Amino acid sequence: MKFLMTYQGDTSAPPSPQTLAALGKHTQEMIARGVVLMTGGLVRPDHGTKLTQVGGKVSVTDGPFPETKELIDGFALVRCDSREAAIEMAKEFMRIAGDGQAEILQVFDAQDTPPRG
């Protein structure tokens, strides 16, 4: 099973160099184990693009978006055996990263979908 995990850290202070080093080490270990498939940061959400479709017409709006209240700091695409394993993985990450909020979304692809018929 694949999951997309996002993390929004406490914005009252930037992470310490020690925290960043520990997160880097942890991430590299998870990549080596084949658990983390992809990871990255979303540090410029004010420069994003939103697409909205209403009545078949698509409108495109470029940032900045001053109404954005929740900004995602980082994400990881991970492979876990279960939702519970993904939760434990997120908890482990948060113990290193510190206060913040994470979200876990299951990702479905062709390998996860049973054949029809």
C-alpha atoms as a PDB file:
ATOM      1  CA  MET A   1       0.000   0.000   0.000  1.00  0.00           C
ATOM      2  CA  LYS A   2       1.171   3.510  -0.734  1.00  0.00           C
ATOM      3  CA  PHE A   3       0.455   6.585   1.333  1.00  0.00           C
ATOM      4  CA  LEU A   4       1.084  10.291   0.839  1.00  0.00           C
ATOM      5  CA  MET A   5       2.135  11.870   4.115  1.00  0.00           C
ATOM      6  CA  THR A   6       2.247  15.607   4.646  1.00  0.00           C
ATOM      7  CA  TYR A   7       3.692  17.465   7.591  1.00  0.00           C
ATOM      8  CA  GLN A   8       3.218  21.039   8.734  1.00  0.00           C
ATOM      9  CA  GLY A   9       5.668  21.963  11.448  1.00  0.00           C
ATOM     10  CA  ASP A  10       5.320  24.476  14.247  1.00  0.00           C
ATOM     11  CA  THR A  11       6.123  27.827  12.642  1.00  0.00           C
ATOM     12  CA  SER A  12       7.130  29.644  15.838  1.00  0.00           C
ATOM     13  CA  ALA A  13      10.810  28.847  15.211  1.00  0.00           C
ATOM     14  CA  PRO A  14      12.774  27.167  12.419  1.00  0.00           C
ATOM     15  CA  PRO A  15      14.059  23.635  13.079  1.00  0.00           C
ATOM     16  CA  SER A  16      17.493  23.430  14.675  1.00  0.00           C
ATOM     17  CA  PRO A  17      20.479  22.158  12.691  1.00  0.00           C
ATOM     18  CA  GLN A  18      20.427  19.044  14.915  1.00  0.00           C
ATOM     19  CA  THR A  19      16.771  18.379  14.079  1.00  0.00           C
ATOM     20  CA  LEU A  20      17.425  18.853  10.368  1.00  0.00           C
ATOM     21  CA  ALA A  21      20.380  16.454  10.527  1.00  0.00           C
ATOM     22  CA  ALA A  22      18.330  13.847  12.396  1.00  0.00           C
ATOM     23  CA  LEU A  23      15.486  14.155   9.881  1.00  0.00           C
ATOM     24  CA  GLY A  24      17.936  13.793   7.006  1.00  0.00           C
ATOM     25  CA  LYS A  25      19.455  10.671   8.537  1.00  0.00           C
ATOM     26  CA  HIS A  26      16.041   9.162   9.250  1.00  0.00           C
ATOM     27  CA  THR A  27      14.837   9.875   5.714  1.00  0.00           C
ATOM     28  CA  GLN A  28      17.947   8.331   4.153  1.00  0.00           C
ATOM     29  CA  GLU A  29      17.478   5.207   6.268  1.00  0.00           C
ATOM     30  CA  MET A  30      13.845   4.910   5.167  1.00  0.00           C
ATOM     31  CA  ILE A  31      14.831   5.378   1.512  1.00  0.00           C
ATOM     32  CA  ALA A  32      17.500   2.671   1.849  1.00  0.00           C
ATOM     33  CA  ARG A  33      14.888   0.303   3.324  1.00  0.00           C
ATOM     34  CA  GLY A  34      12.569   0.989   0.386  1.00  0.00           C
ATOM     35  CA  VAL A  35       9.867   2.471   2.586  1.00  0.00           C
ATOM     36  CA  VAL A  36      10.169   6.090   1.425  1.00  0.00           C
ATOM     37  CA  LEU A  37       9.645   6.261  -2.337  1.00  0.00           C
ATOM     38  CA  MET A  38       9.814  10.028  -2.713  1.00  0.00           C
ATOM     39  CA  THR A  39      10.114  13.007  -0.426  1.00  0.00           C
ATOM     40  CA  GLY A  40      10.278  16.748  -0.801  1.00  0.00           C
ATOM     41  CA  GLY A  41       9.451  20.113   0.612  1.00  0.00           C
ATOM     42  CA  LEU A  42       6.750  22.561  -0.338  1.00  0.00           C
ATOM     43  CA  VAL A  43       8.341  25.770   0.781  1.00  0.00           C
ATOM     44  CA  ARG A  44       6.803  28.260  -1.636  1.00  0.00           C
ATOM     45  CA  PRO A  45       3.038  27.692  -1.543  1.00  0.00           C
ATOM     46  CA  ASP A  46       2.509  31.385  -2.258  1.00  0.00           C
ATOM     47  CA  HIS A  47       3.786  30.748  -5.788  1.00  0.00           C
ATOM     48  CA  GLY A  48       1.413  27.893  -6.566  1.00  0.00           C
ATOM     49  CA  THR A  49      -1.313  27.664  -9.163  1.00  0.00           C
ATOM     50  CA  LYS A  50      -4.934  26.735  -8.494  1.00  0.00           C
ATOM     51  CA  LEU A  51      -7.274  25.287 -11.088  1.00  0.00           C
ATOM     52  CA  THR A  52     -11.041  25.388 -10.587  1.00  0.00           C
ATOM     53  CA  GLN A  53     -13.697  23.846 -12.814  1.00  0.00           C
ATOM     54  CA  VAL A  54     -17.286  25.030 -12.696  1.00  0.00           C
ATOM     55  CA  GLY A  55     -19.810  24.058 -15.335  1.00  0.00           C
ATOM     56  CA  GLY A  56     -17.088  22.606 -17.558  1.00  0.00           C
ATOM     57  CA  LYS A  57     -15.082  25.847 -17.636  1.00  0.00           C
ATOM     58  CA  VAL A  58     -11.605  25.753 -16.072  1.00  0.00           C
ATOM     59  CA  SER A  59     -10.092  28.860 -14.524  1.00  0.00           C
ATOM     60  CA  VAL A  60      -6.417  29.125 -13.592  1.00  0.00           C
ATOM     61  CA  THR A  61      -5.261  31.398 -10.766  1.00  0.00           C
ATOM     62  CA  ASP A  62      -1.605  31.984  -9.937  1.00  0.00           C
ATOM     63  CA  GLY A  63      -0.460  32.783  -6.381  1.00  0.00           C
ATOM     64  CA  PRO A  64       0.227  34.394  -4.073  1.00  0.00           C
ATOM     65  CA  PHE A  65      -2.771  33.233  -2.067  1.00  0.00           C
ATOM     66  CA  PRO A  66      -3.070  35.439   1.020  1.00  0.00           C
ATOM     67  CA  GLU A  67      -6.049  33.411   2.250  1.00  0.00           C
ATOM     68  CA  THR A  68      -3.878  30.307   2.711  1.00  0.00           C
ATOM     69  CA  LYS A  69      -3.815  29.529   6.416  1.00  0.00           C
ATOM     70  CA  GLU A  70      -2.377  26.025   6.395  1.00  0.00           C
ATOM     71  CA  LEU A  71       0.870  25.579   4.525  1.00  0.00           C
ATOM     72  CA  ILE A  72       2.375  22.150   3.949  1.00  0.00           C
ATOM     73  CA  ASP A  73       6.069  22.038   4.823  1.00  0.00           C
ATOM     74  CA  GLY A  74       6.932  18.641   3.444  1.00  0.00           C
ATOM     75  CA  PHE A  75       5.655  15.408   1.990  1.00  0.00           C
ATOM     76  CA  ALA A  76       6.682  11.810   1.540  1.00  0.00           C
ATOM     77  CA  LEU A  77       5.295   9.048  -0.634  1.00  0.00           C
ATOM     78  CA  VAL A  78       5.773   5.842   1.347  1.00  0.00           C
ATOM     79  CA  ARG A  79       5.076   2.134   1.039  1.00  0.00           C
ATOM     80  CA  CYS A  80       3.644   0.430   4.133  1.00  0.00           C
ATOM     81  CA  ASP A  81       1.817  -2.841   4.741  1.00  0.00           C
ATOM     82  CA  SER A  82      -1.163  -1.122   6.368  1.00  0.00           C
ATOM     83  CA  ARG A  83      -2.695   2.180   7.445  1.00  0.00           C
ATOM     84  CA  GLU A  84      -1.593   1.397  11.003  1.00  0.00           C
ATOM     85  CA  ALA A  85       2.022   0.975   9.832  1.00  0.00           C
ATOM     86  CA  ALA A  86       1.782   4.337   8.049  1.00  0.00           C
ATOM     87  CA  ILE A  87       0.516   5.947  11.262  1.00  0.00           C
ATOM     88  CA  GLU A  88       3.452   4.503  13.216  1.00  0.00           C
ATOM     89  CA  MET A  89       5.848   5.779  10.568  1.00  0.00           C
ATOM     90  CA  ALA A  90       4.330   9.266  10.796  1.00  0.00           C
ATOM     91  CA  LYS A  91       4.597   9.190  14.595  1.00  0.00           C
ATOM     92  CA  GLU A  92       8.276   8.250  14.352  1.00  0.00           C
ATOM     93  CA  PHE A  93       8.883  11.135  11.942  1.00  0.00           C
ATOM     94  CA  MET A  94       7.042  13.568  14.217  1.00  0.00           C
ATOM     95  CA  ARG A  95       9.054  12.473  17.273  1.00  0.00           C
ATOM     96  CA  ILE A  96      12.129  13.699  15.388  1.00  0.00           C
ATOM     97  CA  ALA A  97      10.571  16.727  13.675  1.00  0.00           C
ATOM     98  CA  GLY A  98       8.773  18.081  16.724  1.00  0.00           C
ATOM     99  CA  ASP A  99       5.427  19.750  17.161  1.00  0.00           C
ATOM    100  CA  GLY A 100       3.236  20.025  14.113  1.00  0.00           C
ATOM    101  CA  GLN A 101       0.466  18.324  12.223  1.00  0.00           C
ATOM    102  CA  ALA A 102       0.614  15.432   9.759  1.00  0.00           C
ATOM    103  CA  GLU A 103      -1.911  13.988   7.359  1.00  0.00           C
ATOM    104  CA  ILE A 104      -1.905  10.541   5.766  1.00  0.00           C
ATOM    105  CA  LEU A 105      -3.767   9.834   2.534  1.00  0.00           C
ATOM    106  CA  GLN A 106      -3.832   6.420   0.869  1.00  0.00           C
ATOM    107  CA  VAL A 107      -2.722   6.458  -2.760  1.00  0.00           C
ATOM    108  CA  PHE A 108      -4.390   4.064  -5.170  1.00  0.00           C
ATOM    109  CA  ASP A 109      -2.777   3.070  -8.440  1.00  0.00           C
ATOM    110  CA  ALA A 110      -3.183   0.251 -10.979  1.00  0.00           C
ATOM    111  CA  GLN A 111      -1.424  -2.216  -8.674  1.00  0.00           C
ATOM    112  CA  ASP A 112      -3.967  -1.527  -5.901  1.00  0.00           C
ATOM    113  CA  THR A 113      -7.070  -1.897  -8.058  1.00  0.00           C
ATOM    114  CA  PRO A 114      -8.465  -5.393  -8.613  1.00  0.00           C
ATOM    115  CA  PRO A 115      -9.247  -6.261 -12.249  1.00  0.00           C
ATOM    116  CA  ARG A 116     -12.838  -5.675 -13.325  1.00  0.00           C
ATOM    117  CA  GLY A 117     -14.882  -8.337 -14.978  1.00  0.00           C
END
